[in-house]
Amino acid sequence: MKLFEYLDGSMASFILTAMGVGFAIALLGGLLSPLVVLKRMSFVGQGISHSAFGGVGVAAILGLTAAGGWEPYAFHGVITIFCLLAATGIAVVSERRRESEDTVIGIFLVGAMAFGALLLHVRHRLTGATAGIGWESVLFGSITEVGEVHLALSWGVLVLVALILFTIRHQVIFWAFDEPAAAAFGIRTSRMRLITMLLLGVAVLASMRLAGVVLTTALLVLPGAAALQLSRRIHTVWFLSLLLSVVGVLGGFVLAVETGLPPGPSMVSAMILLYVLSWPASLWRR
């Protein structure tokens, strides 16, 4: 197998780093996916992730698209701020305007992409320069950019999200299953919505470098959807979601290494296969 050959050669450090990042984002997706599916917010990954395109436009206008030096860090910092602002905006607008999350997410998605496209066009007209950091690497991911810094950040984000979810686990589960009843029992549903959106935002940001924002949605939907096919007990669902997410991400990564296929689509394909395989198990359980 090529994977073992690489692990024995000069690419061992690179492969282990990429697998470490993949394991972290798999656990992130597995933790949050049941909430996304239960609250019918499957579109949220697309909404928050595509908001990154607006951040690309802002970074371009600020001249932060050079490929070397400190500018790549500033480039991704602008995207991070833009995505977190989008997540906060989705939570606030859906709460204040009494609109469904899907409606607000759709508005933010198209608005952010249009805003980013306009800014990129303005920058090109003003300077005639092309970006050193391509927006394609943001939208579709680039495993060649994964390094030790991103590995540490991915695991740091995972620990932070896990601690927050553990702290509010009772309230967030009640809110996910029955929001009106949770509000009647004194749970601040607006706070739960905002926290959930921000957690999803940081998960999307942690996943962008390896899987790309276009493909990150799969991490937030497929593990939870497959787990809910296999069980209705919330603790079992969470365990299965984590397991299926890890198997899908690492299995897709191995497939990419062995075949030379792009890693992001390979991981998504592996998770879709696991979801399809959950159907017969769901029929048997019923």
C-alpha atoms as a PDB file:
ATOM      1  CA  MET A   1       0.000   0.000   0.000  1.00  0.00           C
ATOM      2  CA  LYS A   2       1.195   3.503  -0.839  1.00  0.00           C
ATOM      3  CA  LEU A   3       0.189   4.771   2.603  1.00  0.00           C
ATOM      4  CA  PHE A   4       2.686   2.503   4.347  1.00  0.00           C
ATOM      5  CA  GLU A   5       5.348   3.389   1.800  1.00  0.00           C
ATOM      6  CA  TYR A   6       4.826   7.083   2.493  1.00  0.00           C
ATOM      7  CA  LEU A   7       4.891   6.505   6.255  1.00  0.00           C
ATOM      8  CA  ASP A   8       8.286   4.831   5.901  1.00  0.00           C
ATOM      9  CA  GLY A   9       9.690   7.569   3.693  1.00  0.00           C
ATOM     10  CA  SER A  10      10.267  11.298   3.698  1.00  0.00           C
ATOM     11  CA  MET A  11       6.535  12.057   3.527  1.00  0.00           C
ATOM     12  CA  ALA A  12       5.801  10.453   6.906  1.00  0.00           C
ATOM     13  CA  SER A  13       5.569  13.775   8.746  1.00  0.00           C
ATOM     14  CA  PHE A  14       3.257  15.264   6.122  1.00  0.00           C
ATOM     15  CA  ILE A  15       0.954  12.203   6.071  1.00  0.00           C
ATOM     16  CA  LEU A  16       0.740  12.014   9.868  1.00  0.00           C
ATOM     17  CA  THR A  17      -0.010  15.738  10.115  1.00  0.00           C
ATOM     18  CA  ALA A  18      -2.768  15.511   7.504  1.00  0.00           C
ATOM     19  CA  MET A  19      -4.255  12.446   9.217  1.00  0.00           C
ATOM     20  CA  GLY A  20      -4.132  14.243  12.576  1.00  0.00           C
ATOM     21  CA  VAL A  21      -6.022  17.205  11.131  1.00  0.00           C
ATOM     22  CA  GLY A  22      -8.497  14.842   9.464  1.00  0.00           C
ATOM     23  CA  PHE A  23      -9.107  13.013  12.748  1.00  0.00           C
ATOM     24  CA  ALA A  24      -9.751  16.303  14.556  1.00  0.00           C
ATOM     25  CA  ILE A  25     -12.235  17.635  12.015  1.00  0.00           C
ATOM     26  CA  ALA A  26     -13.949  14.234  11.894  1.00  0.00           C
ATOM     27  CA  LEU A  27     -14.563  14.412  15.634  1.00  0.00           C
ATOM     28  CA  LEU A  28     -15.762  18.005  15.255  1.00  0.00           C
ATOM     29  CA  GLY A  29     -18.255  17.011  12.586  1.00  0.00           C
ATOM     30  CA  GLY A  30     -19.383  13.986  14.589  1.00  0.00           C
ATOM     31  CA  LEU A  31     -20.029  16.114  17.675  1.00  0.00           C
ATOM     32  CA  LEU A  32     -22.116  18.745  15.913  1.00  0.00           C
ATOM     33  CA  SER A  33     -23.834  16.708  13.195  1.00  0.00           C
ATOM     34  CA  PRO A  34     -26.679  15.312  15.380  1.00  0.00           C
ATOM     35  CA  LEU A  35     -27.638  18.849  16.405  1.00  0.00           C
ATOM     36  CA  VAL A  36     -27.607  20.030  12.794  1.00  0.00           C
ATOM     37  CA  VAL A  37     -29.842  17.155  11.674  1.00  0.00           C
ATOM     38  CA  LEU A  38     -32.224  17.353  14.651  1.00  0.00           C
ATOM     39  CA  LYS A  39     -32.719  21.112  14.161  1.00  0.00           C
ATOM     40  CA  ARG A  40     -33.074  20.689  10.379  1.00  0.00           C
ATOM     41  CA  MET A  41     -30.180  23.064   9.751  1.00  0.00           C
ATOM     42  CA  SER A  42     -28.454  20.987   7.089  1.00  0.00           C
ATOM     43  CA  PHE A  43     -28.010  24.124   4.996  1.00  0.00           C
ATOM     44  CA  VAL A  44     -26.045  25.872   7.756  1.00  0.00           C
ATOM     45  CA  GLY A  45     -22.677  24.470   6.692  1.00  0.00           C
ATOM     46  CA  GLN A  46     -23.152  25.899   3.220  1.00  0.00           C
ATOM     47  CA  GLY A  47     -24.321  29.244   4.605  1.00  0.00           C
ATOM     48  CA  ILE A  48     -21.433  29.791   6.998  1.00  0.00           C
ATOM     49  CA  SER A  49     -18.789  28.250   4.774  1.00  0.00           C
ATOM     50  CA  HIS A  50     -19.770  30.217   1.673  1.00  0.00           C
ATOM     51  CA  SER A  51     -19.611  33.358   3.781  1.00  0.00           C
ATOM     52  CA  ALA A  52     -15.855  32.811   3.579  1.00  0.00           C
ATOM     53  CA  PHE A  53     -16.057  34.089   0.018  1.00  0.00           C
ATOM     54  CA  GLY A  54     -17.062  37.488   1.395  1.00  0.00           C
ATOM     55  CA  GLY A  55     -13.973  37.347   3.618  1.00  0.00           C
ATOM     56  CA  VAL A  56     -11.853  36.584   0.548  1.00  0.00           C
ATOM     57  CA  GLY A  57     -13.149  39.766  -1.071  1.00  0.00           C
ATOM     58  CA  VAL A  58     -12.409  41.859   2.029  1.00  0.00           C
ATOM     59  CA  ALA A  59      -8.884  40.395   2.261  1.00  0.00           C
ATOM     60  CA  ALA A  60      -8.327  41.158  -1.424  1.00  0.00           C
ATOM     61  CA  ILE A  61      -9.352  44.787  -0.995  1.00  0.00           C
ATOM     62  CA  LEU A  62      -6.991  45.057   1.988  1.00  0.00           C
ATOM     63  CA  GLY A  63      -4.162  43.617  -0.129  1.00  0.00           C
ATOM     64  CA  LEU A  64      -3.707  40.504   2.020  1.00  0.00           C
ATOM     65  CA  THR A  65      -3.534  37.925  -0.755  1.00  0.00           C
ATOM     66  CA  ALA A  66       0.225  37.555  -1.206  1.00  0.00           C
ATOM     67  CA  ALA A  67       1.371  33.943  -0.946  1.00  0.00           C
ATOM     68  CA  GLY A  68       4.358  34.553   1.341  1.00  0.00           C
ATOM     69  CA  GLY A  69       5.271  36.182   4.632  1.00  0.00           C
ATOM     70  CA  TRP A  70       2.673  37.038   7.260  1.00  0.00           C
ATOM     71  CA  GLU A  71      -0.103  37.836   4.791  1.00  0.00           C
ATOM     72  CA  PRO A  72      -1.559  34.291   4.514  1.00  0.00           C
ATOM     73  CA  TYR A  73      -2.217  34.392   8.279  1.00  0.00           C
ATOM     74  CA  ALA A  74      -3.933  37.764   7.965  1.00  0.00           C
ATOM     75  CA  PHE A  75      -5.856  36.443   4.957  1.00  0.00           C
ATOM     76  CA  HIS A  76      -7.285  33.536   6.947  1.00  0.00           C
ATOM     77  CA  GLY A  77      -7.826  35.800   9.954  1.00  0.00           C
ATOM     78  CA  VAL A  78     -10.133  38.036   7.906  1.00  0.00           C
ATOM     79  CA  ILE A  79     -12.030  34.980   6.663  1.00  0.00           C
ATOM     80  CA  THR A  80     -12.385  33.730  10.248  1.00  0.00           C
ATOM     81  CA  ILE A  81     -13.852  37.021  11.446  1.00  0.00           C
ATOM     82  CA  PHE A  82     -16.208  37.189   8.460  1.00  0.00           C
ATOM     83  CA  CYS A  83     -17.507  33.636   9.004  1.00  0.00           C
ATOM     84  CA  LEU A  84     -18.066  34.150  12.733  1.00  0.00           C
ATOM     85  CA  LEU A  85     -19.914  37.402  12.039  1.00  0.00           C
ATOM     86  CA  ALA A  86     -22.067  35.537   9.507  1.00  0.00           C
ATOM     87  CA  ALA A  87     -22.844  32.805  12.066  1.00  0.00           C
ATOM     88  CA  THR A  88     -23.808  35.441  14.636  1.00  0.00           C
ATOM     89  CA  GLY A  89     -25.925  37.289  12.076  1.00  0.00           C
ATOM     90  CA  ILE A  90     -27.804  34.111  11.120  1.00  0.00           C
ATOM     91  CA  ALA A  91     -28.613  33.398  14.774  1.00  0.00           C
ATOM     92  CA  VAL A  92     -29.693  36.955  15.585  1.00  0.00           C
ATOM     93  CA  VAL A  93     -31.771  37.571  12.451  1.00  0.00           C
ATOM     94  CA  SER A  94     -33.567  34.219  12.640  1.00  0.00           C
ATOM     95  CA  GLU A  95     -34.430  34.941  16.299  1.00  0.00           C
ATOM     96  CA  ARG A  96     -35.467  38.588  15.938  1.00  0.00           C
ATOM     97  CA  ARG A  97     -37.297  38.291  12.619  1.00  0.00           C
ATOM     98  CA  ARG A  98     -38.900  34.924  13.429  1.00  0.00           C
ATOM     99  CA  GLU A  99     -37.623  33.571  10.131  1.00  0.00           C
ATOM    100  CA  SER A 100     -36.622  29.946   9.658  1.00  0.00           C
ATOM    101  CA  GLU A 101     -32.895  29.253   9.815  1.00  0.00           C
ATOM    102  CA  ASP A 102     -32.887  27.950   6.240  1.00  0.00           C
ATOM    103  CA  THR A 103     -34.334  31.223   4.919  1.00  0.00           C
ATOM    104  CA  VAL A 104     -31.819  33.384   6.785  1.00  0.00           C
ATOM    105  CA  ILE A 105     -28.927  31.071   5.868  1.00  0.00           C
ATOM    106  CA  GLY A 106     -29.869  31.330   2.188  1.00  0.00           C
ATOM    107  CA  ILE A 107     -29.909  35.124   2.405  1.00  0.00           C
ATOM    108  CA  PHE A 108     -26.503  35.273   4.066  1.00  0.00           C
ATOM    109  CA  LEU A 109     -25.065  32.739   1.623  1.00  0.00           C
ATOM    110  CA  VAL A 110     -25.965  34.596  -1.555  1.00  0.00           C
ATOM    111  CA  GLY A 111     -25.271  37.981   0.029  1.00  0.00           C
ATOM    112  CA  ALA A 112     -21.768  37.038   1.177  1.00  0.00           C
ATOM    113  CA  MET A 113     -20.849  35.432  -2.142  1.00  0.00           C
ATOM    114  CA  ALA A 114     -22.127  38.426  -4.112  1.00  0.00           C
ATOM    115  CA  PHE A 115     -20.282  40.810  -1.777  1.00  0.00           C
ATOM    116  CA  GLY A 116     -17.034  38.863  -2.184  1.00  0.00           C
ATOM    117  CA  ALA A 117     -17.368  38.679  -5.958  1.00  0.00           C
ATOM    118  CA  LEU A 118     -17.954  42.442  -6.184  1.00  0.00           C
ATOM    119  CA  LEU A 119     -14.916  43.205  -4.022  1.00  0.00           C
ATOM    120  CA  LEU A 120     -12.698  40.892  -6.085  1.00  0.00           C
ATOM    121  CA  HIS A 121     -13.913  42.605  -9.257  1.00  0.00           C
ATOM    122  CA  VAL A 122     -13.255  46.060  -7.788  1.00  0.00           C
ATOM    123  CA  ARG A 123      -9.741  45.045  -6.731  1.00  0.00           C
ATOM    124  CA  HIS A 124      -8.968  43.704 -10.189  1.00  0.00           C
ATOM    125  CA  ARG A 125     -10.212  46.907 -11.832  1.00  0.00           C
ATOM    126  CA  LEU A 126      -8.226  49.113  -9.461  1.00  0.00           C
ATOM    127  CA  THR A 127      -4.933  47.227  -9.458  1.00  0.00           C
ATOM    128  CA  GLY A 128      -5.123  44.678 -12.268  1.00  0.00           C
ATOM    129  CA  ALA A 129      -3.413  42.237  -9.911  1.00  0.00           C
ATOM    130  CA  THR A 130      -4.363  38.639  -9.362  1.00  0.00           C
ATOM    131  CA  ALA A 131      -4.390  37.073  -5.913  1.00  0.00           C
ATOM    132  CA  GLY A 132      -1.385  35.051  -4.828  1.00  0.00           C
ATOM    133  CA  ILE A 133      -3.681  33.024  -2.582  1.00  0.00           C
ATOM    134  CA  GLY A 134      -6.326  31.566  -4.868  1.00  0.00           C
ATOM    135  CA  TRP A 135      -9.938  31.556  -3.706  1.00  0.00           C
ATOM    136  CA  GLU A 136     -10.177  28.033  -5.111  1.00  0.00           C
ATOM    137  CA  SER A 137      -8.005  26.759  -2.248  1.00  0.00           C
ATOM    138  CA  VAL A 138     -10.468  28.282   0.200  1.00  0.00           C
ATOM    139  CA  LEU A 139     -13.553  26.855  -1.489  1.00  0.00           C
ATOM    140  CA  PHE A 140     -12.215  23.398  -2.279  1.00  0.00           C
ATOM    141  CA  GLY A 141      -9.442  22.891   0.259  1.00  0.00           C
ATOM    142  CA  SER A 142      -5.764  22.216  -0.224  1.00  0.00           C
ATOM    143  CA  ILE A 143      -4.175  19.399   1.713  1.00  0.00           C
ATOM    144  CA  THR A 144      -0.723  20.642   0.703  1.00  0.00           C
ATOM    145  CA  GLU A 145      -1.238  23.665   2.977  1.00  0.00           C
ATOM    146  CA  VAL A 146      -1.824  21.597   6.120  1.00  0.00           C
ATOM    147  CA  GLY A 147       0.974  22.091   8.636  1.00  0.00           C
ATOM    148  CA  GLU A 148       1.813  21.817  12.310  1.00  0.00           C
ATOM    149  CA  VAL A 149       0.093  25.119  13.112  1.00  0.00           C
ATOM    150  CA  HIS A 150      -3.167  23.963  11.565  1.00  0.00           C
ATOM    151  CA  LEU A 151      -2.876  20.624  13.378  1.00  0.00           C
ATOM    152  CA  ALA A 152      -2.603  22.410  16.729  1.00  0.00           C
ATOM    153  CA  LEU A 153      -5.454  24.777  15.892  1.00  0.00           C
ATOM    154  CA  SER A 154      -7.717  21.906  14.807  1.00  0.00           C
ATOM    155  CA  TRP A 155      -7.224  20.023  18.061  1.00  0.00           C
ATOM    156  CA  GLY A 156      -7.560  23.229  20.074  1.00  0.00           C
ATOM    157  CA  VAL A 157     -10.895  23.979  18.407  1.00  0.00           C
ATOM    158  CA  LEU A 158     -12.021  20.385  19.011  1.00  0.00           C
ATOM    159  CA  VAL A 159     -11.246  20.595  22.745  1.00  0.00           C
ATOM    160  CA  LEU A 160     -13.001  23.974  23.019  1.00  0.00           C
ATOM    161  CA  VAL A 161     -16.150  22.776  21.205  1.00  0.00           C
ATOM    162  CA  ALA A 162     -16.255  19.537  23.209  1.00  0.00           C
ATOM    163  CA  LEU A 163     -15.966  21.401  26.535  1.00  0.00           C
ATOM    164  CA  ILE A 164     -18.710  23.866  25.620  1.00  0.00           C
ATOM    165  CA  LEU A 165     -21.042  21.109  24.424  1.00  0.00           C
ATOM    166  CA  PHE A 166     -20.408  19.076  27.574  1.00  0.00           C
ATOM    167  CA  THR A 167     -21.167  22.107  29.747  1.00  0.00           C
ATOM    168  CA  ILE A 168     -24.519  22.873  28.071  1.00  0.00           C
ATOM    169  CA  ARG A 169     -25.403  19.323  27.003  1.00  0.00           C
ATOM    170  CA  HIS A 170     -28.739  19.128  28.851  1.00  0.00           C
ATOM    171  CA  GLN A 171     -30.007  22.501  27.619  1.00  0.00           C
ATOM    172  CA  VAL A 172     -28.854  22.057  24.039  1.00  0.00           C
ATOM    173  CA  ILE A 173     -30.380  18.553  23.756  1.00  0.00           C
ATOM    174  CA  PHE A 174     -33.710  19.825  25.138  1.00  0.00           C
ATOM    175  CA  TRP A 175     -33.591  22.770  22.695  1.00  0.00           C
ATOM    176  CA  ALA A 176     -32.725  20.512  19.757  1.00  0.00           C
ATOM    177  CA  PHE A 177     -35.618  18.135  20.404  1.00  0.00           C
ATOM    178  CA  ASP A 178     -38.361  20.595  21.394  1.00  0.00           C
ATOM    179  CA  GLU A 179     -37.595  24.322  21.269  1.00  0.00           C
ATOM    180  CA  PRO A 180     -41.046  25.597  22.462  1.00  0.00           C
ATOM    181  CA  ALA A 181     -41.003  23.257  25.458  1.00  0.00           C
ATOM    182  CA  ALA A 182     -37.413  24.225  26.259  1.00  0.00           C
ATOM    183  CA  ALA A 183     -38.416  27.893  26.262  1.00  0.00           C
ATOM    184  CA  ALA A 184     -41.382  27.120  28.528  1.00  0.00           C
ATOM    185  CA  PHE A 185     -39.029  25.443  31.016  1.00  0.00           C
ATOM    186  CA  GLY A 186     -36.844  28.552  31.186  1.00  0.00           C
ATOM    187  CA  ILE A 187     -34.056  27.655  28.757  1.00  0.00           C
ATOM    188  CA  ARG A 188     -32.870  30.688  26.818  1.00  0.00           C
ATOM    189  CA  THR A 189     -33.360  29.350  23.321  1.00  0.00           C
ATOM    190  CA  SER A 190     -31.833  32.432  21.709  1.00  0.00           C
ATOM    191  CA  ARG A 191     -28.608  31.749  23.606  1.00  0.00           C
ATOM    192  CA  MET A 192     -28.657  28.086  22.542  1.00  0.00           C
ATOM    193  CA  ARG A 193     -29.117  29.127  18.909  1.00  0.00           C
ATOM    194  CA  LEU A 194     -26.266  31.642  19.064  1.00  0.00           C
ATOM    195  CA  ILE A 195     -23.881  29.211  20.773  1.00  0.00           C
ATOM    196  CA  THR A 196     -24.733  26.473  18.280  1.00  0.00           C
ATOM    197  CA  MET A 197     -24.162  28.788  15.322  1.00  0.00           C
ATOM    198  CA  LEU A 198     -20.807  29.944  16.666  1.00  0.00           C
ATOM    199  CA  LEU A 199     -19.723  26.358  17.310  1.00  0.00           C
ATOM    200  CA  LEU A 200     -20.702  25.466  13.765  1.00  0.00           C
ATOM    201  CA  GLY A 201     -18.773  28.485  12.534  1.00  0.00           C
ATOM    202  CA  VAL A 202     -15.520  27.456  14.205  1.00  0.00           C
ATOM    203  CA  ALA A 203     -16.025  23.853  13.019  1.00  0.00           C
ATOM    204  CA  VAL A 204     -16.388  25.060   9.440  1.00  0.00           C
ATOM    205  CA  LEU A 205     -13.273  27.186   9.772  1.00  0.00           C
ATOM    206  CA  ALA A 206     -11.287  24.273  11.196  1.00  0.00           C
ATOM    207  CA  SER A 207     -12.388  22.054   8.300  1.00  0.00           C
ATOM    208  CA  MET A 208     -11.755  24.465   5.446  1.00  0.00           C
ATOM    209  CA  ARG A 209      -8.042  23.788   4.966  1.00  0.00           C
ATOM    210  CA  LEU A 210      -8.428  20.040   4.465  1.00  0.00           C
ATOM    211  CA  ALA A 211     -11.912  19.595   3.001  1.00  0.00           C
ATOM    212  CA  GLY A 212     -12.749  23.063   1.633  1.00  0.00           C
ATOM    213  CA  VAL A 213     -15.855  25.051   2.413  1.00  0.00           C
ATOM    214  CA  VAL A 214     -17.850  23.522  -0.439  1.00  0.00           C
ATOM    215  CA  LEU A 215     -17.385  20.029   1.012  1.00  0.00           C
ATOM    216  CA  THR A 216     -17.491  20.872   4.727  1.00  0.00           C
ATOM    217  CA  THR A 217     -21.282  20.552   4.811  1.00  0.00           C
ATOM    218  CA  ALA A 218     -20.943  16.782   4.513  1.00  0.00           C
ATOM    219  CA  LEU A 219     -19.120  16.686   7.859  1.00  0.00           C
ATOM    220  CA  LEU A 220     -22.040  18.448   9.532  1.00  0.00           C
ATOM    221  CA  VAL A 221     -24.831  16.401   7.947  1.00  0.00           C
ATOM    222  CA  LEU A 222     -23.900  12.861   6.929  1.00  0.00           C
ATOM    223  CA  PRO A 223     -22.574  11.409  10.236  1.00  0.00           C
ATOM    224  CA  GLY A 224     -25.612  12.553  12.214  1.00  0.00           C
ATOM    225  CA  ALA A 225     -28.054  11.537   9.476  1.00  0.00           C
ATOM    226  CA  ALA A 226     -26.552   8.042   9.305  1.00  0.00           C
ATOM    227  CA  ALA A 227     -26.450   7.713  13.105  1.00  0.00           C
ATOM    228  CA  LEU A 228     -30.133   8.656  13.389  1.00  0.00           C
ATOM    229  CA  GLN A 229     -30.916   5.889  10.910  1.00  0.00           C
ATOM    230  CA  LEU A 230     -29.313   3.393  13.285  1.00  0.00           C
ATOM    231  CA  SER A 231     -30.624   4.530  16.675  1.00  0.00           C
ATOM    232  CA  ARG A 232     -32.993   6.954  18.424  1.00  0.00           C
ATOM    233  CA  ARG A 233     -31.174   7.010  21.747  1.00  0.00           C
ATOM    234  CA  ILE A 234     -29.338  10.319  21.881  1.00  0.00           C
ATOM    235  CA  HIS A 235     -26.147   9.012  23.521  1.00  0.00           C
ATOM    236  CA  THR A 236     -25.958   6.123  21.046  1.00  0.00           C
ATOM    237  CA  VAL A 237     -26.580   8.549  18.177  1.00  0.00           C
ATOM    238  CA  TRP A 238     -23.733  10.773  19.326  1.00  0.00           C
ATOM    239  CA  PHE A 239     -21.349   7.829  19.646  1.00  0.00           C
ATOM    240  CA  LEU A 240     -22.291   6.478  16.210  1.00  0.00           C
ATOM    241  CA  SER A 241     -21.985   9.942  14.673  1.00  0.00           C
ATOM    242  CA  LEU A 242     -18.432  10.260  16.006  1.00  0.00           C
ATOM    243  CA  LEU A 243     -17.524   6.761  14.844  1.00  0.00           C
ATOM    244  CA  LEU A 244     -18.987   7.146  11.351  1.00  0.00           C
ATOM    245  CA  SER A 245     -17.387  10.559  10.901  1.00  0.00           C
ATOM    246  CA  VAL A 246     -13.924   9.251  11.819  1.00  0.00           C
ATOM    247  CA  VAL A 247     -14.307   6.178   9.601  1.00  0.00           C
ATOM    248  CA  GLY A 248     -15.523   8.299   6.685  1.00  0.00           C
ATOM    249  CA  VAL A 249     -12.827  10.968   6.914  1.00  0.00           C
ATOM    250  CA  LEU A 250      -9.877   8.670   7.499  1.00  0.00           C
ATOM    251  CA  GLY A 251     -11.197   6.082   5.029  1.00  0.00           C
ATOM    252  CA  GLY A 252     -11.568   8.775   2.376  1.00  0.00           C
ATOM    253  CA  PHE A 253      -8.084  10.065   3.136  1.00  0.00           C
ATOM    254  CA  VAL A 254      -6.578   6.605   2.679  1.00  0.00           C
ATOM    255  CA  LEU A 255      -8.539   6.240  -0.571  1.00  0.00           C
ATOM    256  CA  ALA A 256      -7.107   9.555  -1.794  1.00  0.00           C
ATOM    257  CA  VAL A 257      -3.553   8.527  -0.929  1.00  0.00           C
ATOM    258  CA  GLU A 258      -3.891   5.147  -2.618  1.00  0.00           C
ATOM    259  CA  THR A 259      -5.614   6.370  -5.796  1.00  0.00           C
ATOM    260  CA  GLY A 260      -4.347   9.931  -6.195  1.00  0.00           C
ATOM    261  CA  LEU A 261      -7.899  11.301  -6.056  1.00  0.00           C
ATOM    262  CA  PRO A 262      -8.635  14.666  -4.340  1.00  0.00           C
ATOM    263  CA  PRO A 263      -8.936  14.125  -0.565  1.00  0.00           C
ATOM    264  CA  GLY A 264     -12.018  16.290   0.048  1.00  0.00           C
ATOM    265  CA  PRO A 265     -14.326  14.561  -2.462  1.00  0.00           C
ATOM    266  CA  SER A 266     -12.905  11.171  -1.426  1.00  0.00           C
ATOM    267  CA  MET A 267     -13.850  11.772   2.208  1.00  0.00           C
ATOM    268  CA  VAL A 268     -17.327  12.940   1.269  1.00  0.00           C
ATOM    269  CA  SER A 269     -17.810   9.897  -0.988  1.00  0.00           C
ATOM    270  CA  ALA A 270     -16.811   7.596   1.873  1.00  0.00           C
ATOM    271  CA  MET A 271     -19.326   9.255   4.209  1.00  0.00           C
ATOM    272  CA  ILE A 272     -22.085   9.049   1.592  1.00  0.00           C
ATOM    273  CA  LEU A 273     -21.348   5.332   1.255  1.00  0.00           C
ATOM    274  CA  LEU A 274     -21.672   4.905   5.028  1.00  0.00           C
ATOM    275  CA  TYR A 275     -24.979   6.780   4.957  1.00  0.00           C
ATOM    276  CA  VAL A 276     -26.302   4.550   2.164  1.00  0.00           C
ATOM    277  CA  LEU A 277     -25.192   1.454   4.084  1.00  0.00           C
ATOM    278  CA  SER A 278     -27.173   2.675   7.098  1.00  0.00           C
ATOM    279  CA  TRP A 279     -30.472   2.309   5.193  1.00  0.00           C
ATOM    280  CA  PRO A 280     -30.706  -1.512   5.405  1.00  0.00           C
ATOM    281  CA  ALA A 281     -29.791  -1.337   9.096  1.00  0.00           C
ATOM    282  CA  SER A 282     -32.542   1.224   9.620  1.00  0.00           C
ATOM    283  CA  LEU A 283     -35.121  -0.997   7.894  1.00  0.00           C
ATOM    284  CA  TRP A 284     -34.019  -3.982   9.998  1.00  0.00           C
ATOM    285  CA  ARG A 285     -34.292  -1.937  13.200  1.00  0.00           C
ATOM    286  CA  ARG A 286     -37.828  -0.838  12.336  1.00  0.00           C
END
